[in-house]
Amino acid sequence: MAAVAPGSGASREEEGTGGDAATPQPPAPTSAPGARLSRLPLARVKALVKADPDVTLAGQEAIFILARAAELFVETIAKDAYCCAQQGKRKTLQRRDLDNAIEAVDEFAFLEALSLDY
């Protein structure tokens, strides 16, 4: 019987009982009916985009992509900041954890000037 890693999505039924190859189940839908595709409110993202004087038009697809990109950015910087918090043996993020993540990751170099302002 093959070992299944925790969190791999395979259920006990899929592992098989008699050494037989288990029939793979179709993957579950990634979003339930009616579930939001974006966690950020699109109306708020649209208002932020419209606040930029250089932007004249922004389609719904562009607003969605900007919202999704912002979500991924926040997720990435939060994970890196959490790693900094764990190094200090803490589970709660603090401002200094974000500052340390910004200093440690080259992709966040554009934020270095902003972190000095606060």
PDB file of N, CA and C in Angstrom:
ATOM      1  N   MET A   1       0.846  -1.173   0.000  1.00  0.00           N
ATOM      2  CA  MET A   1       0.000   0.000   0.000  1.00  0.00           C
ATOM      3  C   MET A   1       0.888   1.232   0.000  1.00  0.00           C
ATOM      4  N   ALA A   2       0.577   2.174  -0.829  1.00  0.00           N
ATOM      5  CA  ALA A   2       1.378   3.394  -0.933  1.00  0.00           C
ATOM      6  C   ALA A   2       1.028   4.335   0.200  1.00  0.00           C
ATOM      7  N   ALA A   3       2.046   5.007   0.692  1.00  0.00           N
ATOM      8  CA  ALA A   3       1.824   6.000   1.743  1.00  0.00           C
ATOM      9  C   ALA A   3       1.309   7.277   1.114  1.00  0.00           C
ATOM     10  N   VAL A   4       0.422   7.907   1.815  1.00  0.00           N
ATOM     11  CA  VAL A   4      -0.161   9.158   1.333  1.00  0.00           C
ATOM     12  C   VAL A   4       0.268  10.265   2.272  1.00  0.00           C
ATOM     13  N   ALA A   5       0.826  11.306   1.717  1.00  0.00           N
ATOM     14  CA  ALA A   5       1.276  12.433   2.531  1.00  0.00           C
ATOM     15  C   ALA A   5       0.081  13.180   3.088  1.00  0.00           C
ATOM     16  N   PRO A   6       0.207  13.680   4.329  1.00  0.00           N
ATOM     17  CA  PRO A   6      -0.892  14.480   4.882  1.00  0.00           C
ATOM     18  C   PRO A   6      -1.138  15.706   4.023  1.00  0.00           C
ATOM     19  N   GLY A   7      -2.395  15.996   3.833  1.00  0.00           N
ATOM     20  CA  GLY A   7      -2.740  17.186   3.062  1.00  0.00           C
ATOM     21  C   GLY A   7      -2.664  16.992   1.562  1.00  0.00           C
ATOM     22  N   SER A   8      -2.411  15.737   1.118  1.00  0.00           N
ATOM     23  CA  SER A   8      -2.283  15.521  -0.319  1.00  0.00           C
ATOM     24  C   SER A   8      -3.625  15.438  -1.017  1.00  0.00           C
ATOM     25  N   GLY A   9      -4.707  15.358  -0.236  1.00  0.00           N
ATOM     26  CA  GLY A   9      -6.020  15.333  -0.840  1.00  0.00           C
ATOM     27  C   GLY A   9      -6.538  13.933  -1.067  1.00  0.00           C
ATOM     28  N   ALA A  10      -5.717  12.902  -0.859  1.00  0.00           N
ATOM     29  CA  ALA A  10      -6.167  11.536  -1.059  1.00  0.00           C
ATOM     30  C   ALA A  10      -6.894  11.060   0.184  1.00  0.00           C
ATOM     31  N   SER A  11      -8.050  10.444  -0.023  1.00  0.00           N
ATOM     32  CA  SER A  11      -8.802   9.951   1.117  1.00  0.00           C
ATOM     33  C   SER A  11      -8.391   8.526   1.418  1.00  0.00           C
ATOM     34  N   ARG A  12      -8.848   7.982   2.520  1.00  0.00           N
ATOM     35  CA  ARG A  12      -8.534   6.608   2.911  1.00  0.00           C
ATOM     36  C   ARG A  12      -9.062   5.628   1.869  1.00  0.00           C
ATOM     37  N   GLU A  13     -10.185   5.921   1.245  1.00  0.00           N
ATOM     38  CA  GLU A  13     -10.759   5.036   0.251  1.00  0.00           C
ATOM     39  C   GLU A  13      -9.864   4.934  -0.973  1.00  0.00           C
ATOM     40  N   GLU A  14      -9.173   5.998  -1.307  1.00  0.00           N
ATOM     41  CA  GLU A  14      -8.332   6.005  -2.485  1.00  0.00           C
ATOM     42  C   GLU A  14      -7.053   5.213  -2.278  1.00  0.00           C
ATOM     43  N   GLU A  15      -6.681   4.937  -1.020  1.00  0.00           N
ATOM     44  CA  GLU A  15      -5.451   4.221  -0.747  1.00  0.00           C
ATOM     45  C   GLU A  15      -5.565   2.767  -1.163  1.00  0.00           C
ATOM     46  N   GLY A  16      -6.777   2.229  -1.226  1.00  0.00           N
ATOM     47  CA  GLY A  16      -6.969   0.844  -1.608  1.00  0.00           C
ATOM     48  C   GLY A  16      -6.854  -0.064  -0.394  1.00  0.00           C
ATOM     49  N   THR A  17      -7.479  -1.237  -0.480  1.00  0.00           N
ATOM     50  CA  THR A  17      -7.442  -2.143   0.655  1.00  0.00           C
ATOM     51  C   THR A  17      -6.741  -3.440   0.319  1.00  0.00           C
ATOM     52  N   GLY A  18      -6.809  -3.913  -0.878  1.00  0.00           N
ATOM     53  CA  GLY A  18      -6.208  -5.192  -1.218  1.00  0.00           C
ATOM     54  C   GLY A  18      -5.052  -5.052  -2.175  1.00  0.00           C
ATOM     55  N   GLY A  19      -4.388  -3.928  -2.198  1.00  0.00           N
ATOM     56  CA  GLY A  19      -3.286  -3.721  -3.120  1.00  0.00           C
ATOM     57  C   GLY A  19      -3.762  -3.334  -4.502  1.00  0.00           C
ATOM     58  N   ASP A  20      -5.073  -3.274  -4.705  1.00  0.00           N
ATOM     59  CA  ASP A  20      -5.605  -2.881  -6.001  1.00  0.00           C
ATOM     60  C   ASP A  20      -5.349  -1.401  -6.230  1.00  0.00           C
ATOM     61  N   ALA A  21      -5.160  -1.049  -7.475  1.00  0.00           N
ATOM     62  CA  ALA A  21      -5.012   0.370  -7.803  1.00  0.00           C
ATOM     63  C   ALA A  21      -6.359   1.044  -7.618  1.00  0.00           C
ATOM     64  N   ALA A  22      -6.379   2.071  -6.842  1.00  0.00           N
ATOM     65  CA  ALA A  22      -7.624   2.787  -6.576  1.00  0.00           C
ATOM     66  C   ALA A  22      -7.994   3.646  -7.769  1.00  0.00           C
ATOM     67  N   THR A  23      -9.266   3.737  -8.020  1.00  0.00           N
ATOM     68  CA  THR A  23      -9.751   4.586  -9.088  1.00  0.00           C
ATOM     69  C   THR A  23      -9.684   6.030  -8.614  1.00  0.00           C
ATOM     70  N   PRO A  24      -8.939   6.881  -9.327  1.00  0.00           N
ATOM     71  CA  PRO A  24      -8.841   8.275  -8.868  1.00  0.00           C
ATOM     72  C   PRO A  24     -10.184   8.970  -8.985  1.00  0.00           C
ATOM     73  N   GLN A  25     -10.500   9.727  -7.958  1.00  0.00           N
ATOM     74  CA  GLN A  25     -11.728  10.494  -7.945  1.00  0.00           C
ATOM     75  C   GLN A  25     -11.505  11.800  -8.698  1.00  0.00           C
ATOM     76  N   PRO A  26     -12.529  12.321  -9.352  1.00  0.00           N
ATOM     77  CA  PRO A  26     -12.350  13.619 -10.019  1.00  0.00           C
ATOM     78  C   PRO A  26     -12.079  14.687  -8.968  1.00  0.00           C
ATOM     79  N   PRO A  27     -11.241  15.650  -9.296  1.00  0.00           N
ATOM     80  CA  PRO A  27     -10.928  16.692  -8.312  1.00  0.00           C
ATOM     81  C   PRO A  27     -12.172  17.490  -7.952  1.00  0.00           C
ATOM     82  N   ALA A  28     -12.225  17.868  -6.694  1.00  0.00           N
ATOM     83  CA  ALA A  28     -13.344  18.676  -6.225  1.00  0.00           C
ATOM     84  C   ALA A  28     -13.245  20.060  -6.844  1.00  0.00           C
ATOM     85  N   PRO A  29     -14.377  20.687  -7.091  1.00  0.00           N
ATOM     86  CA  PRO A  29     -14.320  22.042  -7.645  1.00  0.00           C
ATOM     87  C   PRO A  29     -13.586  22.964  -6.676  1.00  0.00           C
ATOM     88  N   THR A  30     -12.804  23.866  -7.227  1.00  0.00           N
ATOM     89  CA  THR A  30     -12.012  24.758  -6.387  1.00  0.00           C
ATOM     90  C   THR A  30     -12.861  25.817  -5.719  1.00  0.00           C
ATOM     91  N   SER A  31     -14.004  26.105  -6.262  1.00  0.00           N
ATOM     92  CA  SER A  31     -14.875  27.086  -5.624  1.00  0.00           C
ATOM     93  C   SER A  31     -16.304  26.583  -5.648  1.00  0.00           C
ATOM     94  N   ALA A  32     -16.970  26.758  -4.537  1.00  0.00           N
ATOM     95  CA  ALA A  32     -18.357  26.338  -4.439  1.00  0.00           C
ATOM     96  C   ALA A  32     -19.228  27.319  -5.213  1.00  0.00           C
ATOM     97  N   PRO A  33     -20.403  26.878  -5.626  1.00  0.00           N
ATOM     98  CA  PRO A  33     -21.302  27.807  -6.323  1.00  0.00           C
ATOM     99  C   PRO A  33     -21.586  29.014  -5.444  1.00  0.00           C
ATOM    100  N   GLY A  34     -21.484  30.172  -6.012  1.00  0.00           N
ATOM    101  CA  GLY A  34     -21.752  31.392  -5.267  1.00  0.00           C
ATOM    102  C   GLY A  34     -20.545  31.899  -4.495  1.00  0.00           C
ATOM    103  N   ALA A  35     -19.445  31.148  -4.504  1.00  0.00           N
ATOM    104  CA  ALA A  35     -18.255  31.598  -3.781  1.00  0.00           C
ATOM    105  C   ALA A  35     -17.608  32.751  -4.541  1.00  0.00           C
ATOM    106  N   ARG A  36     -16.981  33.637  -3.790  1.00  0.00           N
ATOM    107  CA  ARG A  36     -16.331  34.796  -4.405  1.00  0.00           C
ATOM    108  C   ARG A  36     -14.999  34.372  -5.004  1.00  0.00           C
ATOM    109  N   LEU A  37     -14.691  34.904  -6.160  1.00  0.00           N
ATOM    110  CA  LEU A  37     -13.419  34.620  -6.804  1.00  0.00           C
ATOM    111  C   LEU A  37     -12.317  35.503  -6.244  1.00  0.00           C
ATOM    112  N   SER A  38     -12.695  36.624  -5.690  1.00  0.00           N
ATOM    113  CA  SER A  38     -11.735  37.556  -5.124  1.00  0.00           C
ATOM    114  C   SER A  38     -12.119  37.840  -3.685  1.00  0.00           C
ATOM    115  N   ARG A  39     -11.136  37.889  -2.809  1.00  0.00           N
ATOM    116  CA  ARG A  39     -11.414  38.178  -1.407  1.00  0.00           C
ATOM    117  C   ARG A  39     -11.542  39.680  -1.159  1.00  0.00           C
ATOM    118  N   LEU A  40     -10.941  40.471  -2.021  1.00  0.00           N
ATOM    119  CA  LEU A  40     -11.037  41.923  -1.879  1.00  0.00           C
ATOM    120  C   LEU A  40     -12.309  42.413  -2.552  1.00  0.00           C
ATOM    121  N   PRO A  41     -12.945  43.414  -1.987  1.00  0.00           N
ATOM    122  CA  PRO A  41     -14.156  43.950  -2.626  1.00  0.00           C
ATOM    123  C   PRO A  41     -13.795  44.676  -3.927  1.00  0.00           C
ATOM    124  N   LEU A  42     -14.353  44.201  -5.017  1.00  0.00           N
ATOM    125  CA  LEU A  42     -14.012  44.761  -6.329  1.00  0.00           C
ATOM    126  C   LEU A  42     -14.424  46.218  -6.450  1.00  0.00           C
ATOM    127  N   ALA A  43     -15.483  46.618  -5.781  1.00  0.00           N
ATOM    128  CA  ALA A  43     -15.896  48.019  -5.832  1.00  0.00           C
ATOM    129  C   ALA A  43     -14.826  48.912  -5.198  1.00  0.00           C
ATOM    130  N   ARG A  44     -14.225  48.442  -4.132  1.00  0.00           N
ATOM    131  CA  ARG A  44     -13.171  49.219  -3.473  1.00  0.00           C
ATOM    132  C   ARG A  44     -11.925  49.299  -4.358  1.00  0.00           C
ATOM    133  N   VAL A  45     -11.575  48.182  -5.005  1.00  0.00           N
ATOM    134  CA  VAL A  45     -10.426  48.177  -5.924  1.00  0.00           C
ATOM    135  C   VAL A  45     -10.697  49.125  -7.086  1.00  0.00           C
ATOM    136  N   LYS A  46     -11.916  49.106  -7.607  1.00  0.00           N
ATOM    137  CA  LYS A  46     -12.274  49.995  -8.715  1.00  0.00           C
ATOM    138  C   LYS A  46     -12.169  51.455  -8.289  1.00  0.00           C
ATOM    139  N   ALA A  47     -12.596  51.752  -7.066  1.00  0.00           N
ATOM    140  CA  ALA A  47     -12.506  53.132  -6.564  1.00  0.00           C
ATOM    141  C   ALA A  47     -11.044  53.563  -6.444  1.00  0.00           C
ATOM    142  N   LEU A  48     -10.181  52.658  -6.013  1.00  0.00           N
ATOM    143  CA  LEU A  48      -8.751  52.985  -5.920  1.00  0.00           C
ATOM    144  C   LEU A  48      -8.146  53.219  -7.301  1.00  0.00           C
ATOM    145  N   VAL A  49      -8.540  52.413  -8.267  1.00  0.00           N
ATOM    146  CA  VAL A  49      -8.037  52.578  -9.632  1.00  0.00           C
ATOM    147  C   VAL A  49      -8.511  53.907 -10.205  1.00  0.00           C
ATOM    148  N   LYS A  50      -9.775  54.234  -9.983  1.00  0.00           N
ATOM    149  CA  LYS A  50     -10.319  55.493 -10.506  1.00  0.00           C
ATOM    150  C   LYS A  50      -9.690  56.710  -9.833  1.00  0.00           C
ATOM    151  N   ALA A  51      -9.151  56.541  -8.639  1.00  0.00           N
ATOM    152  CA  ALA A  51      -8.515  57.647  -7.926  1.00  0.00           C
ATOM    153  C   ALA A  51      -7.198  58.060  -8.587  1.00  0.00           C
ATOM    154  N   ASP A  52      -6.641  57.182  -9.420  1.00  0.00           N
ATOM    155  CA  ASP A  52      -5.397  57.502 -10.125  1.00  0.00           C
ATOM    156  C   ASP A  52      -5.720  58.399 -11.316  1.00  0.00           C
ATOM    157  N   PRO A  53      -5.155  59.613 -11.371  1.00  0.00           N
ATOM    158  CA  PRO A  53      -5.485  60.523 -12.473  1.00  0.00           C
ATOM    159  C   PRO A  53      -4.984  60.037 -13.837  1.00  0.00           C
ATOM    160  N   ASP A  54      -4.031  59.114 -13.850  1.00  0.00           N
ATOM    161  CA  ASP A  54      -3.506  58.604 -15.120  1.00  0.00           C
ATOM    162  C   ASP A  54      -4.406  57.545 -15.748  1.00  0.00           C
ATOM    163  N   VAL A  55      -5.348  56.999 -14.994  1.00  0.00           N
ATOM    164  CA  VAL A  55      -6.228  55.946 -15.493  1.00  0.00           C
ATOM    165  C   VAL A  55      -7.522  56.574 -15.968  1.00  0.00           C
ATOM    166  N   THR A  56      -7.867  56.315 -17.244  1.00  0.00           N
ATOM    167  CA  THR A  56      -9.111  56.844 -17.779  1.00  0.00           C
ATOM    168  C   THR A  56     -10.203  55.783 -17.793  1.00  0.00           C
ATOM    169  N   LEU A  57      -9.860  54.572 -18.208  1.00  0.00           N
ATOM    170  CA  LEU A  57     -10.820  53.470 -18.265  1.00  0.00           C
ATOM    171  C   LEU A  57     -10.191  52.220 -17.662  1.00  0.00           C
ATOM    172  N   ALA A  58     -11.004  51.435 -16.979  1.00  0.00           N
ATOM    173  CA  ALA A  58     -10.555  50.151 -16.461  1.00  0.00           C
ATOM    174  C   ALA A  58     -11.718  49.180 -16.537  1.00  0.00           C
ATOM    175  N   GLY A  59     -11.541  48.120 -17.302  1.00  0.00           N
ATOM    176  CA  GLY A  59     -12.586  47.117 -17.450  1.00  0.00           C
ATOM    177  C   GLY A  59     -12.692  46.221 -16.224  1.00  0.00           C
ATOM    178  N   GLN A  60     -13.794  45.491 -16.149  1.00  0.00           N
ATOM    179  CA  GLN A  60     -14.007  44.596 -15.013  1.00  0.00           C
ATOM    180  C   GLN A  60     -12.924  43.540 -14.920  1.00  0.00           C
ATOM    181  N   GLU A  61     -12.433  43.047 -16.059  1.00  0.00           N
ATOM    182  CA  GLU A  61     -11.377  42.043 -16.041  1.00  0.00           C
ATOM    183  C   GLU A  61     -10.101  42.621 -15.437  1.00  0.00           C
ATOM    184  N   ALA A  62      -9.787  43.854 -15.787  1.00  0.00           N
ATOM    185  CA  ALA A  62      -8.602  44.508 -15.246  1.00  0.00           C
ATOM    186  C   ALA A  62      -8.736  44.722 -13.747  1.00  0.00           C
ATOM    187  N   ILE A  63      -9.916  45.100 -13.300  1.00  0.00           N
ATOM    188  CA  ILE A  63     -10.156  45.304 -11.873  1.00  0.00           C
ATOM    189  C   ILE A  63      -9.980  43.982 -11.132  1.00  0.00           C
ATOM    190  N   PHE A  64     -10.522  42.904 -11.690  1.00  0.00           N
ATOM    191  CA  PHE A  64     -10.385  41.587 -11.072  1.00  0.00           C
ATOM    192  C   PHE A  64      -8.921  41.170 -10.988  1.00  0.00           C
ATOM    193  N   ILE A  65      -8.177  41.347 -12.066  1.00  0.00           N
ATOM    194  CA  ILE A  65      -6.759  40.957 -12.079  1.00  0.00           C
ATOM    195  C   ILE A  65      -5.975  41.779 -11.064  1.00  0.00           C
ATOM    196  N   LEU A  66      -6.255  43.067 -10.970  1.00  0.00           N
ATOM    197  CA  LEU A  66      -5.580  43.899  -9.964  1.00  0.00           C
ATOM    198  C   LEU A  66      -5.908  43.444  -8.542  1.00  0.00           C
ATOM    199  N   ALA A  67      -7.165  43.082  -8.306  1.00  0.00           N
ATOM    200  CA  ALA A  67      -7.562  42.599  -6.984  1.00  0.00           C
ATOM    201  C   ALA A  67      -6.860  41.285  -6.663  1.00  0.00           C
ATOM    202  N   ARG A  68      -6.802  40.398  -7.620  1.00  0.00           N
ATOM    203  CA  ARG A  68      -6.138  39.099  -7.402  1.00  0.00           C
ATOM    204  C   ARG A  68      -4.639  39.294  -7.185  1.00  0.00           C
ATOM    205  N   ALA A  69      -4.020  40.181  -7.938  1.00  0.00           N
ATOM    206  CA  ALA A  69      -2.592  40.460  -7.767  1.00  0.00           C
ATOM    207  C   ALA A  69      -2.322  41.041  -6.377  1.00  0.00           C
ATOM    208  N   ALA A  70      -3.204  41.906  -5.921  1.00  0.00           N
ATOM    209  CA  ALA A  70      -3.047  42.478  -4.582  1.00  0.00           C
ATOM    210  C   ALA A  70      -3.166  41.393  -3.514  1.00  0.00           C
ATOM    211  N   GLU A  71      -4.095  40.462  -3.693  1.00  0.00           N
ATOM    212  CA  GLU A  71      -4.246  39.349  -2.754  1.00  0.00           C
ATOM    213  C   GLU A  71      -2.979  38.512  -2.693  1.00  0.00           C
ATOM    214  N   LEU A  72      -2.436  38.181  -3.851  1.00  0.00           N
ATOM    215  CA  LEU A  72      -1.216  37.371  -3.899  1.00  0.00           C
ATOM    216  C   LEU A  72      -0.038  38.105  -3.282  1.00  0.00           C
ATOM    217  N   PHE A  73       0.041  39.406  -3.513  1.00  0.00           N
ATOM    218  CA  PHE A  73       1.115  40.203  -2.923  1.00  0.00           C
ATOM    219  C   PHE A  73       1.021  40.204  -1.402  1.00  0.00           C
ATOM    220  N   VAL A  74      -0.177  40.436  -0.884  1.00  0.00           N
ATOM    221  CA  VAL A  74      -0.365  40.469   0.568  1.00  0.00           C
ATOM    222  C   VAL A  74      -0.061  39.091   1.164  1.00  0.00           C
ATOM    223  N   GLU A  75      -0.482  38.038   0.476  1.00  0.00           N
ATOM    224  CA  GLU A  75      -0.201  36.683   0.959  1.00  0.00           C
ATOM    225  C   GLU A  75       1.305  36.420   1.005  1.00  0.00           C
ATOM    226  N   THR A  76       2.013  36.818  -0.025  1.00  0.00           N
ATOM    227  CA  THR A  76       3.449  36.587  -0.086  1.00  0.00           C
ATOM    228  C   THR A  76       4.197  37.348   0.996  1.00  0.00           C
ATOM    229  N   ILE A  77       3.911  38.623   1.142  1.00  0.00           N
ATOM    230  CA  ILE A  77       4.634  39.417   2.143  1.00  0.00           C
ATOM    231  C   ILE A  77       4.255  38.973   3.557  1.00  0.00           C
ATOM    232  N   ALA A  78       3.012  38.537   3.742  1.00  0.00           N
ATOM    233  CA  ALA A  78       2.597  38.057   5.064  1.00  0.00           C
ATOM    234  C   ALA A  78       3.317  36.763   5.425  1.00  0.00           C
ATOM    235  N   LYS A  79       3.479  35.865   4.457  1.00  0.00           N
ATOM    236  CA  LYS A  79       4.206  34.616   4.724  1.00  0.00           C
ATOM    237  C   LYS A  79       5.663  34.903   5.070  1.00  0.00           C
ATOM    238  N   ASP A  80       6.283  35.809   4.331  1.00  0.00           N
ATOM    239  CA  ASP A  80       7.674  36.153   4.616  1.00  0.00           C
ATOM    240  C   ASP A  80       7.805  36.835   5.977  1.00  0.00           C
ATOM    241  N   ALA A  81       6.862  37.695   6.309  1.00  0.00           N
ATOM    242  CA  ALA A  81       6.881  38.360   7.612  1.00  0.00           C
ATOM    243  C   ALA A  81       6.643  37.349   8.728  1.00  0.00           C
ATOM    244  N   TYR A  82       5.804  36.364   8.478  1.00  0.00           N
ATOM    245  CA  TYR A  82       5.557  35.337   9.490  1.00  0.00           C
ATOM    246  C   TYR A  82       6.816  34.514   9.750  1.00  0.00           C
ATOM    247  N   CYS A  83       7.589  34.269   8.702  1.00  0.00           N
ATOM    248  CA  CYS A  83       8.869  33.574   8.889  1.00  0.00           C
ATOM    249  C   CYS A  83       9.780  34.391   9.797  1.00  0.00           C
ATOM    250  N   CYS A  84       9.779  35.694   9.630  1.00  0.00           N
ATOM    251  CA  CYS A  84      10.577  36.568  10.501  1.00  0.00           C
ATOM    252  C   CYS A  84      10.063  36.506  11.936  1.00  0.00           C
ATOM    253  N   ALA A  85       8.765  36.432  12.112  1.00  0.00           N
ATOM    254  CA  ALA A  85       8.184  36.337  13.457  1.00  0.00           C
ATOM    255  C   ALA A  85       8.556  35.000  14.093  1.00  0.00           C
ATOM    256  N   GLN A  86       8.553  33.931  13.300  1.00  0.00           N
ATOM    257  CA  GLN A  86       8.915  32.620  13.832  1.00  0.00           C
ATOM    258  C   GLN A  86      10.368  32.582  14.282  1.00  0.00           C
ATOM    259  N   GLN A  87      11.242  33.297  13.583  1.00  0.00           N
ATOM    260  CA  GLN A  87      12.645  33.360  14.000  1.00  0.00           C
ATOM    261  C   GLN A  87      12.764  33.999  15.371  1.00  0.00           C
ATOM    262  N   GLY A  88      11.853  34.904  15.696  1.00  0.00           N
ATOM    263  CA  GLY A  88      11.812  35.516  17.010  1.00  0.00           C
ATOM    264  C   GLY A  88      10.942  34.730  17.977  1.00  0.00           C
ATOM    265  N   LYS A  89      10.567  33.494  17.576  1.00  0.00           N
ATOM    266  CA  LYS A  89       9.752  32.596  18.395  1.00  0.00           C
ATOM    267  C   LYS A  89       8.406  33.217  18.782  1.00  0.00           C
ATOM    268  N   ARG A  90       7.795  33.900  17.798  1.00  0.00           N
ATOM    269  CA  ARG A  90       6.481  34.514  17.997  1.00  0.00           C
ATOM    270  C   ARG A  90       5.541  34.052  16.899  1.00  0.00           C
ATOM    271  N   LYS A  91       4.259  34.099  17.180  1.00  0.00           N
ATOM    272  CA  LYS A  91       3.249  33.768  16.171  1.00  0.00           C
ATOM    273  C   LYS A  91       2.495  34.996  15.695  1.00  0.00           C
ATOM    274  N   THR A  92       2.658  36.094  16.404  1.00  0.00           N
ATOM    275  CA  THR A  92       1.950  37.330  16.061  1.00  0.00           C
ATOM    276  C   THR A  92       2.866  38.225  15.234  1.00  0.00           C
ATOM    277  N   LEU A  93       2.347  38.678  14.090  1.00  0.00           N
ATOM    278  CA  LEU A  93       3.135  39.578  13.250  1.00  0.00           C
ATOM    279  C   LEU A  93       3.195  40.965  13.874  1.00  0.00           C
ATOM    280  N   GLN A  94       4.364  41.555  13.785  1.00  0.00           N
ATOM    281  CA  GLN A  94       4.551  42.924  14.227  1.00  0.00           C
ATOM    282  C   GLN A  94       5.116  43.726  13.070  1.00  0.00           C
ATOM    283  N   ARG A  95       5.092  45.025  13.210  1.00  0.00           N
ATOM    284  CA  ARG A  95       5.596  45.914  12.163  1.00  0.00           C
ATOM    285  C   ARG A  95       7.037  45.591  11.807  1.00  0.00           C
ATOM    286  N   ARG A  96       7.831  45.278  12.807  1.00  0.00           N
ATOM    287  CA  ARG A  96       9.250  44.982  12.547  1.00  0.00           C
ATOM    288  C   ARG A  96       9.415  43.716  11.708  1.00  0.00           C
ATOM    289  N   ASP A  97       8.448  42.777  11.789  1.00  0.00           N
ATOM    290  CA  ASP A  97       8.514  41.579  10.955  1.00  0.00           C
ATOM    291  C   ASP A  97       8.320  41.938   9.486  1.00  0.00           C
ATOM    292  N   LEU A  98       7.387  42.849   9.216  1.00  0.00           N
ATOM    293  CA  LEU A  98       7.206  43.317   7.837  1.00  0.00           C
ATOM    294  C   LEU A  98       8.453  44.052   7.354  1.00  0.00           C
ATOM    295  N   ASP A  99       9.025  44.897   8.224  1.00  0.00           N
ATOM    296  CA  ASP A  99      10.242  45.617   7.847  1.00  0.00           C
ATOM    297  C   ASP A  99      11.383  44.646   7.555  1.00  0.00           C
ATOM    298  N   ASN A 100      11.519  43.609   8.376  1.00  0.00           N
ATOM    299  CA  ASN A 100      12.572  42.612   8.159  1.00  0.00           C
ATOM    300  C   ASN A 100      12.347  41.839   6.865  1.00  0.00           C
ATOM    301  N   ALA A 101      11.099  41.508   6.557  1.00  0.00           N
ATOM    302  CA  ALA A 101      10.790  40.807   5.309  1.00  0.00           C
ATOM    303  C   ALA A 101      11.119  41.687   4.109  1.00  0.00           C
ATOM    304  N   ILE A 102      10.805  42.978   4.217  1.00  0.00           N
ATOM    305  CA  ILE A 102      11.093  43.910   3.124  1.00  0.00           C
ATOM    306  C   ILE A 102      12.594  44.005   2.892  1.00  0.00           C
ATOM    307  N   GLU A 103      13.362  44.036   3.959  1.00  0.00           N
ATOM    308  CA  GLU A 103      14.824  44.116   3.835  1.00  0.00           C
ATOM    309  C   GLU A 103      15.420  42.818   3.319  1.00  0.00           C
ATOM    310  N   ALA A 104      14.828  41.677   3.676  1.00  0.00           N
ATOM    311  CA  ALA A 104      15.409  40.377   3.348  1.00  0.00           C
ATOM    312  C   ALA A 104      15.115  39.913   1.926  1.00  0.00           C
ATOM    313  N   VAL A 105      13.997  40.323   1.362  1.00  0.00           N
ATOM    314  CA  VAL A 105      13.571  39.823   0.051  1.00  0.00           C
ATOM    315  C   VAL A 105      13.796  40.904  -0.999  1.00  0.00           C
ATOM    316  N   ASP A 106      14.565  40.570  -2.017  1.00  0.00           N
ATOM    317  CA  ASP A 106      14.901  41.546  -3.064  1.00  0.00           C
ATOM    318  C   ASP A 106      13.666  42.067  -3.804  1.00  0.00           C
ATOM    319  N   GLU A 107      12.658  41.215  -3.970  1.00  0.00           N
ATOM    320  CA  GLU A 107      11.458  41.629  -4.700  1.00  0.00           C
ATOM    321  C   GLU A 107      10.692  42.742  -3.990  1.00  0.00           C
ATOM    322  N   PHE A 108      10.948  42.923  -2.692  1.00  0.00           N
ATOM    323  CA  PHE A 108      10.268  43.959  -1.928  1.00  0.00           C
ATOM    324  C   PHE A 108      11.099  45.230  -1.795  1.00  0.00           C
ATOM    325  N   ALA A 109      12.164  45.342  -2.568  1.00  0.00           N
ATOM    326  CA  ALA A 109      13.057  46.496  -2.463  1.00  0.00           C
ATOM    327  C   ALA A 109      12.315  47.807  -2.742  1.00  0.00           C
ATOM    328  N   PHE A 110      11.317  47.768  -3.596  1.00  0.00           N
ATOM    329  CA  PHE A 110      10.575  48.996  -3.908  1.00  0.00           C
ATOM    330  C   PHE A 110       9.810  49.519  -2.696  1.00  0.00           C
ATOM    331  N   LEU A 111       9.644  48.708  -1.663  1.00  0.00           N
ATOM    332  CA  LEU A 111       8.921  49.126  -0.466  1.00  0.00           C
ATOM    333  C   LEU A 111       9.833  49.712   0.606  1.00  0.00           C
ATOM    334  N   GLU A 112      11.134  49.625   0.406  1.00  0.00           N
ATOM    335  CA  GLU A 112      12.058  50.077   1.449  1.00  0.00           C
ATOM    336  C   GLU A 112      11.885  51.553   1.793  1.00  0.00           C
ATOM    337  N   ALA A 113      11.675  52.401   0.807  1.00  0.00           N
ATOM    338  CA  ALA A 113      11.482  53.825   1.072  1.00  0.00           C
ATOM    339  C   ALA A 113      10.181  54.050   1.847  1.00  0.00           C
ATOM    340  N   LEU A 114       9.168  53.243   1.569  1.00  0.00           N
ATOM    341  CA  LEU A 114       7.888  53.387   2.256  1.00  0.00           C
ATOM    342  C   LEU A 114       7.985  52.957   3.713  1.00  0.00           C
ATOM    343  N   SER A 115       8.790  51.936   4.008  1.00  0.00           N
ATOM    344  CA  SER A 115       8.846  51.438   5.381  1.00  0.00           C
ATOM    345  C   SER A 115       9.532  52.421   6.313  1.00  0.00           C
ATOM    346  N   LEU A 116      10.321  53.345   5.772  1.00  0.00           N
ATOM    347  CA  LEU A 116      10.983  54.343   6.608  1.00  0.00           C
ATOM    348  C   LEU A 116      10.043  55.477   6.986  1.00  0.00           C
ATOM    349  N   ASP A 117       8.955  55.631   6.226  1.00  0.00           N
ATOM    350  CA  ASP A 117       8.041  56.743   6.462  1.00  0.00           C
ATOM    351  C   ASP A 117       7.216  56.591   7.728  1.00  0.00           C
ATOM    352  N   TYR A 118       7.020  55.373   8.200  1.00  0.00           N
ATOM    353  CA  TYR A 118       6.132  55.143   9.353  1.00  0.00           C
ATOM    354  C   TYR A 118       6.890  54.935  10.609  1.00  0.00           C
TER     355      TYR A 118
END
